[in-house]
Amino acid sequence: MRLPARERIPVMKNPLRVAKKLHDSLFMTFQYAINGVPQNLTGTTVRSQIRDVYGVLVGTLVFTLLTQSGNTLGLYTLELAGPIEFGPGEFFWDIEYTFTGGRISTVPEEGHNLLVITDDDTK
């Protein structure tokens, strides 16, 4: 989806900011919790996409659910398949959870997280 000219994606007030270099790998681990209590994500699907400031899709993060028991309850990873090939610049991403039963929740609820890609300095 491309937003109309000059309409940029909103960023939340205090976004989760991830800084990487062009051609690096992008791998992140998260724990889903409600009120500080980790939640079992068995049966949940997760979707996360990276978009440029105008909403153009530049990458999709692959979701992997870790074993859901004990201290790994709610843990999962998001990883970009292959090295970062877009940038340098600012990019935005969010995480969409689809729970068993069809309920959908997007984090953050307002705005987007920030991904900053810098030059890889290999010129």
PDB file of N, CA and C in Angstrom:
ATOM      1  N   MET A   1       0.838  -1.169   0.000  1.00  0.00           N
ATOM      2  CA  MET A   1       0.000   0.000   0.000  1.00  0.00           C
ATOM      3  C   MET A   1       0.884   1.233   0.000  1.00  0.00           C
ATOM      4  N   ARG A   2       0.640   2.146  -0.873  1.00  0.00           N
ATOM      5  CA  ARG A   2       1.401   3.387  -0.917  1.00  0.00           C
ATOM      6  C   ARG A   2       0.491   4.532  -0.473  1.00  0.00           C
ATOM      7  N   LEU A   3       0.946   5.307   0.494  1.00  0.00           N
ATOM      8  CA  LEU A   3       0.179   6.440   0.984  1.00  0.00           C
ATOM      9  C   LEU A   3       0.277   7.587  -0.016  1.00  0.00           C
ATOM     10  N   PRO A   4      -0.701   8.490  -0.020  1.00  0.00           N
ATOM     11  CA  PRO A   4      -0.640   9.640  -0.932  1.00  0.00           C
ATOM     12  C   PRO A   4       0.639  10.447  -0.705  1.00  0.00           C
ATOM     13  N   ALA A   5       1.083  11.157  -1.726  1.00  0.00           N
ATOM     14  CA  ALA A   5       2.303  11.964  -1.651  1.00  0.00           C
ATOM     15  C   ALA A   5       2.285  12.862  -0.418  1.00  0.00           C
ATOM     16  N   ARG A   6       3.443  12.985   0.220  1.00  0.00           N
ATOM     17  CA  ARG A   6       3.672  13.836   1.389  1.00  0.00           C
ATOM     18  C   ARG A   6       2.985  13.360   2.655  1.00  0.00           C
ATOM     19  N   GLU A   7       2.277  12.251   2.637  1.00  0.00           N
ATOM     20  CA  GLU A   7       1.646  11.725   3.848  1.00  0.00           C
ATOM     21  C   GLU A   7       2.540  10.618   4.391  1.00  0.00           C
ATOM     22  N   ARG A   8       3.207  10.925   5.477  1.00  0.00           N
ATOM     23  CA  ARG A   8       4.170   9.989   6.040  1.00  0.00           C
ATOM     24  C   ARG A   8       3.528   9.128   7.132  1.00  0.00           C
ATOM     25  N   ILE A   9       4.082   7.964   7.351  1.00  0.00           N
ATOM     26  CA  ILE A   9       3.623   7.066   8.404  1.00  0.00           C
ATOM     27  C   ILE A   9       3.857   7.730   9.758  1.00  0.00           C
ATOM     28  N   PRO A  10       2.868   7.688  10.664  1.00  0.00           N
ATOM     29  CA  PRO A  10       3.068   8.269  11.991  1.00  0.00           C
ATOM     30  C   PRO A  10       3.979   7.390  12.847  1.00  0.00           C
ATOM     31  N   VAL A  11       4.810   8.028  13.651  1.00  0.00           N
ATOM     32  CA  VAL A  11       5.681   7.306  14.586  1.00  0.00           C
ATOM     33  C   VAL A  11       5.127   7.543  15.979  1.00  0.00           C
ATOM     34  N   MET A  12       5.114   6.513  16.813  1.00  0.00           N
ATOM     35  CA  MET A  12       4.632   6.693  18.174  1.00  0.00           C
ATOM     36  C   MET A  12       5.581   7.600  18.956  1.00  0.00           C
ATOM     37  N   LYS A  13       5.130   8.132  20.103  1.00  0.00           N
ATOM     38  CA  LYS A  13       5.923   9.077  20.886  1.00  0.00           C
ATOM     39  C   LYS A  13       7.286   8.522  21.277  1.00  0.00           C
ATOM     40  N   ASN A  14       7.333   7.344  21.833  1.00  0.00           N
ATOM     41  CA  ASN A  14       8.580   6.710  22.258  1.00  0.00           C
ATOM     42  C   ASN A  14       8.695   5.345  21.587  1.00  0.00           C
ATOM     43  N   PRO A  15       9.035   5.328  20.297  1.00  0.00           N
ATOM     44  CA  PRO A  15       9.051   4.053  19.577  1.00  0.00           C
ATOM     45  C   PRO A  15      10.200   3.158  20.031  1.00  0.00           C
ATOM     46  N   LEU A  16      10.003   1.860  19.845  1.00  0.00           N
ATOM     47  CA  LEU A  16      11.110   0.926  19.992  1.00  0.00           C
ATOM     48  C   LEU A  16      12.018   1.222  18.812  1.00  0.00           C
ATOM     49  N   ARG A  17      13.229   1.685  19.085  1.00  0.00           N
ATOM     50  CA  ARG A  17      14.144   2.108  18.020  1.00  0.00           C
ATOM     51  C   ARG A  17      15.221   1.046  17.850  1.00  0.00           C
ATOM     52  N   VAL A  18      15.341   0.524  16.649  1.00  0.00           N
ATOM     53  CA  VAL A  18      16.357  -0.471  16.320  1.00  0.00           C
ATOM     54  C   VAL A  18      17.270   0.143  15.274  1.00  0.00           C
ATOM     55  N   ALA A  19      18.578   0.133  15.532  1.00  0.00           N
ATOM     56  CA  ALA A  19      19.550   0.686  14.583  1.00  0.00           C
ATOM     57  C   ALA A  19      20.415  -0.448  14.040  1.00  0.00           C
ATOM     58  N   LYS A  20      20.498  -0.533  12.737  1.00  0.00           N
ATOM     59  CA  LYS A  20      21.309  -1.561  12.066  1.00  0.00           C
ATOM     60  C   LYS A  20      22.023  -0.920  10.882  1.00  0.00           C
ATOM     61  N   LYS A  21      23.020  -1.624  10.369  1.00  0.00           N
ATOM     62  CA  LYS A  21      23.727  -1.166   9.174  1.00  0.00           C
ATOM     63  C   LYS A  21      23.232  -1.943   7.957  1.00  0.00           C
ATOM     64  N   LEU A  22      23.293  -1.271   6.808  1.00  0.00           N
ATOM     65  CA  LEU A  22      22.967  -1.897   5.540  1.00  0.00           C
ATOM     66  C   LEU A  22      23.778  -3.181   5.412  1.00  0.00           C
ATOM     67  N   HIS A  23      23.163  -4.246   4.979  1.00  0.00           N
ATOM     68  CA  HIS A  23      23.741  -5.578   4.768  1.00  0.00           C
ATOM     69  C   HIS A  23      23.905  -6.387   6.056  1.00  0.00           C
ATOM     70  N   ASP A  24      23.515  -5.832   7.220  1.00  0.00           N
ATOM     71  CA  ASP A  24      23.506  -6.613   8.464  1.00  0.00           C
ATOM     72  C   ASP A  24      22.320  -7.570   8.461  1.00  0.00           C
ATOM     73  N   SER A  25      22.347  -8.515   9.398  1.00  0.00           N
ATOM     74  CA  SER A  25      21.177  -9.358   9.667  1.00  0.00           C
ATOM     75  C   SER A  25      20.273  -8.613  10.631  1.00  0.00           C
ATOM     76  N   LEU A  26      18.991  -8.917  10.594  1.00  0.00           N
ATOM     77  CA  LEU A  26      18.037  -8.329  11.529  1.00  0.00           C
ATOM     78  C   LEU A  26      17.317  -9.473  12.220  1.00  0.00           C
ATOM     79  N   PHE A  27      17.565  -9.634  13.525  1.00  0.00           N
ATOM     80  CA  PHE A  27      17.019 -10.731  14.325  1.00  0.00           C
ATOM     81  C   PHE A  27      16.660 -10.160  15.686  1.00  0.00           C
ATOM     82  N   MET A  28      15.407 -10.306  16.106  1.00  0.00           N
ATOM     83  CA  MET A  28      14.957  -9.763  17.384  1.00  0.00           C
ATOM     84  C   MET A  28      14.146 -10.810  18.146  1.00  0.00           C
ATOM     85  N   THR A  29      14.284 -10.809  19.467  1.00  0.00           N
ATOM     86  CA  THR A  29      13.526 -11.705  20.331  1.00  0.00           C
ATOM     87  C   THR A  29      12.595 -10.871  21.200  1.00  0.00           C
ATOM     88  N   PHE A  30      11.349 -11.306  21.306  1.00  0.00           N
ATOM     89  CA  PHE A  30      10.338 -10.602  22.090  1.00  0.00           C
ATOM     90  C   PHE A  30       9.635 -11.570  23.029  1.00  0.00           C
ATOM     91  N   GLN A  31       9.023 -11.020  24.072  1.00  0.00           N
ATOM     92  CA  GLN A  31       8.168 -11.811  24.953  1.00  0.00           C
ATOM     93  C   GLN A  31       6.828 -11.100  25.057  1.00  0.00           C
ATOM     94  N   TYR A  32       5.761 -11.806  24.701  1.00  0.00           N
ATOM     95  CA  TYR A  32       4.424 -11.245  24.773  1.00  0.00           C
ATOM     96  C   TYR A  32       3.896 -11.427  26.182  1.00  0.00           C
ATOM     97  N   ALA A  33       3.525 -10.305  26.816  1.00  0.00           N
ATOM     98  CA  ALA A  33       3.017 -10.348  28.190  1.00  0.00           C
ATOM     99  C   ALA A  33       1.858  -9.368  28.323  1.00  0.00           C
ATOM    100  N   ILE A  34       0.963  -9.675  29.227  1.00  0.00           N
ATOM    101  CA  ILE A  34      -0.133  -8.779  29.588  1.00  0.00           C
ATOM    102  C   ILE A  34       0.036  -8.448  31.056  1.00  0.00           C
ATOM    103  N   ASN A  35       0.151  -7.152  31.350  1.00  0.00           N
ATOM    104  CA  ASN A  35       0.383  -6.695  32.731  1.00  0.00           C
ATOM    105  C   ASN A  35       1.581  -7.391  33.372  1.00  0.00           C
ATOM    106  N   GLY A  36       2.622  -7.607  32.573  1.00  0.00           N
ATOM    107  CA  GLY A  36       3.851  -8.212  33.070  1.00  0.00           C
ATOM    108  C   GLY A  36       3.832  -9.729  33.172  1.00  0.00           C
ATOM    109  N   VAL A  37       2.717 -10.358  32.802  1.00  0.00           N
ATOM    110  CA  VAL A  37       2.594 -11.818  32.890  1.00  0.00           C
ATOM    111  C   VAL A  37       2.737 -12.405  31.486  1.00  0.00           C
ATOM    112  N   PRO A  38       3.798 -13.203  31.232  1.00  0.00           N
ATOM    113  CA  PRO A  38       3.992 -13.817  29.914  1.00  0.00           C
ATOM    114  C   PRO A  38       2.791 -14.676  29.521  1.00  0.00           C
ATOM    115  N   GLN A  39       2.418 -14.607  28.240  1.00  0.00           N
ATOM    116  CA  GLN A  39       1.248 -15.324  27.736  1.00  0.00           C
ATOM    117  C   GLN A  39       1.657 -16.434  26.776  1.00  0.00           C
ATOM    118  N   ASN A  40       0.929 -17.538  26.810  1.00  0.00           N
ATOM    119  CA  ASN A  40       1.176 -18.656  25.903  1.00  0.00           C
ATOM    120  C   ASN A  40       0.675 -18.261  24.509  1.00  0.00           C
ATOM    121  N   LEU A  41       1.557 -18.304  23.521  1.00  0.00           N
ATOM    122  CA  LEU A  41       1.204 -17.910  22.156  1.00  0.00           C
ATOM    123  C   LEU A  41       0.922 -19.099  21.239  1.00  0.00           C
ATOM    124  N   THR A  42       0.785 -20.288  21.800  1.00  0.00           N
ATOM    125  CA  THR A  42       0.480 -21.453  20.977  1.00  0.00           C
ATOM    126  C   THR A  42      -0.796 -21.197  20.181  1.00  0.00           C
ATOM    127  N   GLY A  43      -0.746 -21.391  18.877  1.00  0.00           N
ATOM    128  CA  GLY A  43      -1.888 -21.172  17.998  1.00  0.00           C
ATOM    129  C   GLY A  43      -1.999 -19.747  17.479  1.00  0.00           C
ATOM    130  N   THR A  44      -1.128 -18.864  17.950  1.00  0.00           N
ATOM    131  CA  THR A  44      -1.143 -17.465  17.519  1.00  0.00           C
ATOM    132  C   THR A  44      -0.265 -17.305  16.284  1.00  0.00           C
ATOM    133  N   THR A  45      -0.720 -16.503  15.337  1.00  0.00           N
ATOM    134  CA  THR A  45       0.133 -16.152  14.206  1.00  0.00           C
ATOM    135  C   THR A  45       0.555 -14.693  14.372  1.00  0.00           C
ATOM    136  N   VAL A  46       1.738 -14.399  13.893  1.00  0.00           N
ATOM    137  CA  VAL A  46       2.287 -13.055  14.019  1.00  0.00           C
ATOM    138  C   VAL A  46       2.751 -12.597  12.650  1.00  0.00           C
ATOM    139  N   ARG A  47       2.442 -11.343  12.343  1.00  0.00           N
ATOM    140  CA  ARG A  47       2.857 -10.753  11.072  1.00  0.00           C
ATOM    141  C   ARG A  47       3.559  -9.441  11.381  1.00  0.00           C
ATOM    142  N   SER A  48       4.688  -9.217  10.729  1.00  0.00           N
ATOM    143  CA  SER A  48       5.425  -7.969  10.932  1.00  0.00           C
ATOM    144  C   SER A  48       6.070  -7.573   9.610  1.00  0.00           C
ATOM    145  N   GLN A  49       5.788  -6.350   9.189  1.00  0.00           N
ATOM    146  CA  GLN A  49       6.321  -5.853   7.924  1.00  0.00           C
ATOM    147  C   GLN A  49       7.087  -4.564   8.151  1.00  0.00           C
ATOM    148  N   ILE A  50       8.083  -4.344   7.322  1.00  0.00           N
ATOM    149  CA  ILE A  50       8.878  -3.118   7.365  1.00  0.00           C
ATOM    150  C   ILE A  50       8.479  -2.277   6.158  1.00  0.00           C
ATOM    151  N   ARG A  51       8.216  -0.991   6.413  1.00  0.00           N
ATOM    152  CA  ARG A  51       7.790  -0.090   5.343  1.00  0.00           C
ATOM    153  C   ARG A  51       8.631   1.183   5.373  1.00  0.00           C
ATOM    154  N   ASP A  52       8.757   1.814   4.201  1.00  0.00           N
ATOM    155  CA  ASP A  52       9.466   3.096   4.160  1.00  0.00           C
ATOM    156  C   ASP A  52       8.539   4.194   4.687  1.00  0.00           C
ATOM    157  N   VAL A  53       9.021   5.427   4.708  1.00  0.00           N
ATOM    158  CA  VAL A  53       8.253   6.528   5.306  1.00  0.00           C
ATOM    159  C   VAL A  53       6.955   6.833   4.567  1.00  0.00           C
ATOM    160  N   TYR A  54       6.788   6.313   3.347  1.00  0.00           N
ATOM    161  CA  TYR A  54       5.563   6.527   2.574  1.00  0.00           C
ATOM    162  C   TYR A  54       4.655   5.305   2.554  1.00  0.00           C
ATOM    163  N   GLY A  55       5.014   4.261   3.307  1.00  0.00           N
ATOM    164  CA  GLY A  55       4.175   3.080   3.401  1.00  0.00           C
ATOM    165  C   GLY A  55       4.479   1.982   2.419  1.00  0.00           C
ATOM    166  N   VAL A  56       5.535   2.112   1.649  1.00  0.00           N
ATOM    167  CA  VAL A  56       5.897   1.078   0.672  1.00  0.00           C
ATOM    168  C   VAL A  56       6.581  -0.081   1.402  1.00  0.00           C
ATOM    169  N   LEU A  57       6.093  -1.289   1.186  1.00  0.00           N
ATOM    170  CA  LEU A  57       6.652  -2.484   1.810  1.00  0.00           C
ATOM    171  C   LEU A  57       8.073  -2.732   1.313  1.00  0.00           C
ATOM    172  N   VAL A  58       9.036  -2.855   2.234  1.00  0.00           N
ATOM    173  CA  VAL A  58      10.421  -3.132   1.852  1.00  0.00           C
ATOM    174  C   VAL A  58      10.931  -4.447   2.431  1.00  0.00           C
ATOM    175  N   GLY A  59      10.217  -5.021   3.403  1.00  0.00           N
ATOM    176  CA  GLY A  59      10.655  -6.283   3.978  1.00  0.00           C
ATOM    177  C   GLY A  59       9.597  -6.891   4.881  1.00  0.00           C
ATOM    178  N   THR A  60       9.648  -8.205   5.022  1.00  0.00           N
ATOM    179  CA  THR A  60       8.747  -8.938   5.904  1.00  0.00           C
ATOM    180  C   THR A  60       9.584  -9.714   6.907  1.00  0.00           C
ATOM    181  N   LEU A  61       9.212  -9.613   8.178  1.00  0.00           N
ATOM    182  CA  LEU A  61       9.926 -10.338   9.223  1.00  0.00           C
ATOM    183  C   LEU A  61       9.270 -11.703   9.429  1.00  0.00           C
ATOM    184  N   VAL A  62      10.085 -12.753   9.536  1.00  0.00           N
ATOM    185  CA  VAL A  62       9.604 -14.116   9.706  1.00  0.00           C
ATOM    186  C   VAL A  62       9.442 -14.396  11.201  1.00  0.00           C
ATOM    187  N   PHE A  63       8.271 -14.893  11.593  1.00  0.00           N
ATOM    188  CA  PHE A  63       7.916 -15.206  12.975  1.00  0.00           C
ATOM    189  C   PHE A  63       8.285 -16.641  13.296  1.00  0.00           C
ATOM    190  N   THR A  64       8.973 -16.851  14.431  1.00  0.00           N
ATOM    191  CA  THR A  64       9.252 -18.193  14.931  1.00  0.00           C
ATOM    192  C   THR A  64       8.867 -18.241  16.397  1.00  0.00           C
ATOM    193  N   LEU A  65       7.948 -19.129  16.735  1.00  0.00           N
ATOM    194  CA  LEU A  65       7.504 -19.294  18.113  1.00  0.00           C
ATOM    195  C   LEU A  65       8.459 -20.231  18.845  1.00  0.00           C
ATOM    196  N   LEU A  66       8.946 -19.807  20.012  1.00  0.00           N
ATOM    197  CA  LEU A  66       9.820 -20.652  20.820  1.00  0.00           C
ATOM    198  C   LEU A  66       8.965 -21.546  21.712  1.00  0.00           C
ATOM    199  N   THR A  67       9.567 -22.552  22.330  1.00  0.00           N
ATOM    200  CA  THR A  67       8.849 -23.454  23.215  1.00  0.00           C
ATOM    201  C   THR A  67       8.066 -22.645  24.244  1.00  0.00           C
ATOM    202  N   GLN A  68       6.786 -22.952  24.411  1.00  0.00           N
ATOM    203  CA  GLN A  68       5.909 -22.171  25.280  1.00  0.00           C
ATOM    204  C   GLN A  68       5.715 -22.844  26.632  1.00  0.00           C
ATOM    205  N   SER A  69       6.751 -22.776  27.471  1.00  0.00           N
ATOM    206  CA  SER A  69       6.634 -23.312  28.829  1.00  0.00           C
ATOM    207  C   SER A  69       7.669 -22.646  29.725  1.00  0.00           C
ATOM    208  N   GLY A  70       7.373 -22.584  30.996  1.00  0.00           N
ATOM    209  CA  GLY A  70       8.322 -22.026  31.962  1.00  0.00           C
ATOM    210  C   GLY A  70       8.767 -20.622  31.606  1.00  0.00           C
ATOM    211  N   ASN A  71      10.101 -20.412  31.645  1.00  0.00           N
ATOM    212  CA  ASN A  71      10.629 -19.065  31.394  1.00  0.00           C
ATOM    213  C   ASN A  71      10.653 -18.689  29.915  1.00  0.00           C
ATOM    214  N   THR A  72      10.230 -19.581  29.025  1.00  0.00           N
ATOM    215  CA  THR A  72      10.147 -19.238  27.599  1.00  0.00           C
ATOM    216  C   THR A  72       8.707 -18.961  27.161  1.00  0.00           C
ATOM    217  N   LEU A  73       7.777 -18.929  28.117  1.00  0.00           N
ATOM    218  CA  LEU A  73       6.383 -18.635  27.802  1.00  0.00           C
ATOM    219  C   LEU A  73       6.294 -17.253  27.159  1.00  0.00           C
ATOM    220  N   GLY A  74       5.630 -17.156  26.022  1.00  0.00           N
ATOM    221  CA  GLY A  74       5.453 -15.890  25.331  1.00  0.00           C
ATOM    222  C   GLY A  74       6.617 -15.465  24.457  1.00  0.00           C
ATOM    223  N   LEU A  75       7.714 -16.236  24.440  1.00  0.00           N
ATOM    224  CA  LEU A  75       8.889 -15.851  23.654  1.00  0.00           C
ATOM    225  C   LEU A  75       8.744 -16.230  22.180  1.00  0.00           C
ATOM    226  N   TYR A  76       9.202 -15.320  21.329  1.00  0.00           N
ATOM    227  CA  TYR A  76       9.241 -15.578  19.892  1.00  0.00           C
ATOM    228  C   TYR A  76      10.316 -14.704  19.265  1.00  0.00           C
ATOM    229  N   THR A  77      10.678 -15.034  18.035  1.00  0.00           N
ATOM    230  CA  THR A  77      11.657 -14.232  17.307  1.00  0.00           C
ATOM    231  C   THR A  77      11.031 -13.687  16.028  1.00  0.00           C
ATOM    232  N   LEU A  78      11.562 -12.551  15.584  1.00  0.00           N
ATOM    233  CA  LEU A  78      11.252 -11.983  14.280  1.00  0.00           C
ATOM    234  C   LEU A  78      12.581 -11.797  13.568  1.00  0.00           C
ATOM    235  N   GLU A  79      12.656 -12.271  12.335  1.00  0.00           N
ATOM    236  CA  GLU A  79      13.921 -12.217  11.601  1.00  0.00           C
ATOM    237  C   GLU A  79      13.663 -11.882  10.140  1.00  0.00           C
ATOM    238  N   LEU A  80      14.509 -11.022   9.605  1.00  0.00           N
ATOM    239  CA  LEU A  80      14.467 -10.716   8.177  1.00  0.00           C
ATOM    240  C   LEU A  80      15.230 -11.821   7.456  1.00  0.00           C
ATOM    241  N   ALA A  81      14.585 -12.435   6.461  1.00  0.00           N
ATOM    242  CA  ALA A  81      15.254 -13.498   5.702  1.00  0.00           C
ATOM    243  C   ALA A  81      16.324 -12.852   4.830  1.00  0.00           C
ATOM    244  N   GLY A  82      17.575 -13.106   5.126  1.00  0.00           N
ATOM    245  CA  GLY A  82      18.674 -12.517   4.371  1.00  0.00           C
ATOM    246  C   GLY A  82      19.100 -11.188   4.956  1.00  0.00           C
ATOM    247  N   PRO A  83      20.151 -10.606   4.411  1.00  0.00           N
ATOM    248  CA  PRO A  83      20.660  -9.332   4.930  1.00  0.00           C
ATOM    249  C   PRO A  83      19.767  -8.155   4.548  1.00  0.00           C
ATOM    250  N   ILE A  84      19.926  -7.053   5.269  1.00  0.00           N
ATOM    251  CA  ILE A  84      19.173  -5.832   4.982  1.00  0.00           C
ATOM    252  C   ILE A  84      19.662  -5.264   3.655  1.00  0.00           C
ATOM    253  N   GLU A  85      18.767  -5.166   2.678  1.00  0.00           N
ATOM    254  CA  GLU A  85      19.117  -4.677   1.343  1.00  0.00           C
ATOM    255  C   GLU A  85      18.422  -3.369   1.008  1.00  0.00           C
ATOM    256  N   PHE A  86      17.745  -2.759   1.977  1.00  0.00           N
ATOM    257  CA  PHE A  86      17.083  -1.478   1.759  1.00  0.00           C
ATOM    258  C   PHE A  86      17.737  -0.442   2.670  1.00  0.00           C
ATOM    259  N   GLY A  87      17.678   0.807   2.281  1.00  0.00           N
ATOM    260  CA  GLY A  87      18.285   1.853   3.092  1.00  0.00           C
ATOM    261  C   GLY A  87      19.460   2.455   2.364  1.00  0.00           C
ATOM    262  N   PRO A  88      20.192   3.345   2.991  1.00  0.00           N
ATOM    263  CA  PRO A  88      20.009   3.787   4.372  1.00  0.00           C
ATOM    264  C   PRO A  88      18.788   4.690   4.513  1.00  0.00           C
ATOM    265  N   GLY A  89      18.333   4.884   5.748  1.00  0.00           N
ATOM    266  CA  GLY A  89      17.196   5.738   6.029  1.00  0.00           C
ATOM    267  C   GLY A  89      16.399   5.229   7.206  1.00  0.00           C
ATOM    268  N   GLU A  90      15.223   5.848   7.404  1.00  0.00           N
ATOM    269  CA  GLU A  90      14.314   5.450   8.473  1.00  0.00           C
ATOM    270  C   GLU A  90      13.190   4.608   7.895  1.00  0.00           C
ATOM    271  N   PHE A  91      12.862   3.546   8.608  1.00  0.00           N
ATOM    272  CA  PHE A  91      11.810   2.632   8.204  1.00  0.00           C
ATOM    273  C   PHE A  91      10.950   2.335   9.416  1.00  0.00           C
ATOM    274  N   PHE A  92       9.743   1.854   9.172  1.00  0.00           N
ATOM    275  CA  PHE A  92       8.782   1.666  10.244  1.00  0.00           C
ATOM    276  C   PHE A  92       8.238   0.247  10.233  1.00  0.00           C
ATOM    277  N   TRP A  93       7.886  -0.255  11.421  1.00  0.00           N
ATOM    278  CA  TRP A  93       7.360  -1.608  11.527  1.00  0.00           C
ATOM    279  C   TRP A  93       6.461  -1.704  12.748  1.00  0.00           C
ATOM    280  N   ASP A  94       5.548  -2.659  12.688  1.00  0.00           N
ATOM    281  CA  ASP A  94       4.715  -2.978  13.834  1.00  0.00           C
ATOM    282  C   ASP A  94       4.565  -4.491  13.874  1.00  0.00           C
ATOM    283  N   ILE A  95       3.879  -4.976  14.874  1.00  0.00           N
ATOM    284  CA  ILE A  95       3.682  -6.420  15.039  1.00  0.00           C
ATOM    285  C   ILE A  95       2.187  -6.669  15.169  1.00  0.00           C
ATOM    286  N   GLU A  96       1.647  -7.552  14.323  1.00  0.00           N
ATOM    287  CA  GLU A  96       0.226  -7.892  14.369  1.00  0.00           C
ATOM    288  C   GLU A  96       0.057  -9.336  14.844  1.00  0.00           C
ATOM    289  N   TYR A  97      -0.661  -9.507  15.948  1.00  0.00           N
ATOM    290  CA  TYR A  97      -0.943 -10.827  16.512  1.00  0.00           C
ATOM    291  C   TYR A  97      -2.361 -11.231  16.123  1.00  0.00           C
ATOM    292  N   THR A  98      -2.528 -12.466  15.634  1.00  0.00           N
ATOM    293  CA  THR A  98      -3.852 -13.034  15.418  1.00  0.00           C
ATOM    294  C   THR A  98      -3.960 -14.242  16.333  1.00  0.00           C
ATOM    295  N   PHE A  99      -4.809 -14.125  17.347  1.00  0.00           N
ATOM    296  CA  PHE A  99      -4.934 -15.153  18.373  1.00  0.00           C
ATOM    297  C   PHE A  99      -5.954 -16.206  17.964  1.00  0.00           C
ATOM    298  N   THR A 100      -5.851 -17.377  18.596  1.00  0.00           N
ATOM    299  CA  THR A 100      -6.843 -18.428  18.400  1.00  0.00           C
ATOM    300  C   THR A 100      -8.215 -17.821  18.660  1.00  0.00           C
ATOM    301  N   GLY A 101      -9.164 -18.045  17.783  1.00  0.00           N
ATOM    302  CA  GLY A 101     -10.486 -17.444  17.919  1.00  0.00           C
ATOM    303  C   GLY A 101     -10.654 -16.216  17.044  1.00  0.00           C
ATOM    304  N   GLY A 102      -9.536 -15.706  16.444  1.00  0.00           N
ATOM    305  CA  GLY A 102      -9.623 -14.624  15.477  1.00  0.00           C
ATOM    306  C   GLY A 102      -9.374 -13.226  15.992  1.00  0.00           C
ATOM    307  N   ARG A 103      -9.188 -13.040  17.308  1.00  0.00           N
ATOM    308  CA  ARG A 103      -8.929 -11.693  17.829  1.00  0.00           C
ATOM    309  C   ARG A 103      -7.583 -11.203  17.306  1.00  0.00           C
ATOM    310  N   ILE A 104      -7.534  -9.933  16.849  1.00  0.00           N
ATOM    311  CA  ILE A 104      -6.305  -9.352  16.296  1.00  0.00           C
ATOM    312  C   ILE A 104      -5.881  -8.177  17.158  1.00  0.00           C
ATOM    313  N   SER A 105      -4.587  -8.106  17.439  1.00  0.00           N
ATOM    314  CA  SER A 105      -4.019  -7.002  18.217  1.00  0.00           C
ATOM    315  C   SER A 105      -2.742  -6.547  17.532  1.00  0.00           C
ATOM    316  N   THR A 106      -2.597  -5.222  17.340  1.00  0.00           N
ATOM    317  CA  THR A 106      -1.404  -4.673  16.718  1.00  0.00           C
ATOM    318  C   THR A 106      -0.633  -3.856  17.741  1.00  0.00           C
ATOM    319  N   VAL A 107       0.670  -4.076  17.784  1.00  0.00           N
ATOM    320  CA  VAL A 107       1.553  -3.369  18.716  1.00  0.00           C
ATOM    321  C   VAL A 107       2.600  -2.625  17.899  1.00  0.00           C
ATOM    322  N   PRO A 108       2.837  -1.362  18.125  1.00  0.00           N
ATOM    323  CA  PRO A 108       2.103  -0.525  19.065  1.00  0.00           C
ATOM    324  C   PRO A 108       0.719  -0.192  18.525  1.00  0.00           C
ATOM    325  N   GLU A 109      -0.200   0.196  19.436  1.00  0.00           N
ATOM    326  CA  GLU A 109      -1.578   0.503  19.035  1.00  0.00           C
ATOM    327  C   GLU A 109      -1.651   1.767  18.194  1.00  0.00           C
ATOM    328  N   GLU A 110      -0.795   2.740  18.476  1.00  0.00           N
ATOM    329  CA  GLU A 110      -0.779   3.989  17.718  1.00  0.00           C
ATOM    330  C   GLU A 110       0.630   4.240  17.210  1.00  0.00           C
ATOM    331  N   GLY A 111       0.759   4.579  15.936  1.00  0.00           N
ATOM    332  CA  GLY A 111       2.078   4.842  15.368  1.00  0.00           C
ATOM    333  C   GLY A 111       2.810   3.557  15.027  1.00  0.00           C
ATOM    334  N   HIS A 112       4.122   3.659  14.880  1.00  0.00           N
ATOM    335  CA  HIS A 112       4.936   2.519  14.484  1.00  0.00           C
ATOM    336  C   HIS A 112       6.276   2.561  15.194  1.00  0.00           C
ATOM    337  N   ASN A 113       6.935   1.411  15.245  1.00  0.00           N
ATOM    338  CA  ASN A 113       8.306   1.345  15.745  1.00  0.00           C
ATOM    339  C   ASN A 113       9.240   1.869  14.666  1.00  0.00           C
ATOM    340  N   LEU A 114      10.434   2.243  15.067  1.00  0.00           N
ATOM    341  CA  LEU A 114      11.387   2.872  14.158  1.00  0.00           C
ATOM    342  C   LEU A 114      12.587   1.951  13.917  1.00  0.00           C
ATOM    343  N   LEU A 115      12.954   1.767  12.663  1.00  0.00           N
ATOM    344  CA  LEU A 115      14.143   1.013  12.269  1.00  0.00           C
ATOM    345  C   LEU A 115      15.018   1.972  11.497  1.00  0.00           C
ATOM    346  N   VAL A 116      16.231   2.225  11.986  1.00  0.00           N
ATOM    347  CA  VAL A 116      17.154   3.146  11.324  1.00  0.00           C
ATOM    348  C   VAL A 116      18.260   2.330  10.693  1.00  0.00           C
ATOM    349  N   ILE A 117      18.404   2.454   9.380  1.00  0.00           N
ATOM    350  CA  ILE A 117      19.448   1.741   8.638  1.00  0.00           C
ATOM    351  C   ILE A 117      20.498   2.767   8.226  1.00  0.00           C
ATOM    352  N   THR A 118      21.743   2.507   8.607  1.00  0.00           N
ATOM    353  CA  THR A 118      22.841   3.400   8.225  1.00  0.00           C
ATOM    354  C   THR A 118      23.700   2.725   7.171  1.00  0.00           C
ATOM    355  N   ASP A 119      24.537   3.528   6.512  1.00  0.00           N
ATOM    356  CA  ASP A 119      25.461   3.003   5.506  1.00  0.00           C
ATOM    357  C   ASP A 119      26.352   1.944   6.133  1.00  0.00           C
ATOM    358  N   ASP A 120      26.781   0.961   5.352  1.00  0.00           N
ATOM    359  CA  ASP A 120      27.625  -0.103   5.920  1.00  0.00           C
ATOM    360  C   ASP A 120      29.104   0.228   5.897  1.00  0.00           C
ATOM    361  N   ASP A 121      29.471   1.385   5.375  1.00  0.00           N
ATOM    362  CA  ASP A 121      30.878   1.870   5.386  1.00  0.00           C
ATOM    363  C   ASP A 121      31.839   0.939   4.653  1.00  0.00           C
ATOM    364  N   THR A 122      31.381   0.214   3.630  1.00  0.00           N
ATOM    365  CA  THR A 122      32.274  -0.702   2.898  1.00  0.00           C
ATOM    366  C   THR A 122      32.529  -0.201   1.482  1.00  0.00           C
ATOM    367  N   LYS A 123      32.615   1.105   1.317  1.00  0.00           N
ATOM    368  CA  LYS A 123      32.822   1.677  -0.022  1.00  0.00           C
ATOM    369  C   LYS A 123      34.263   1.645  -0.410  1.00  0.00           C
TER     370      LYS A 123
END
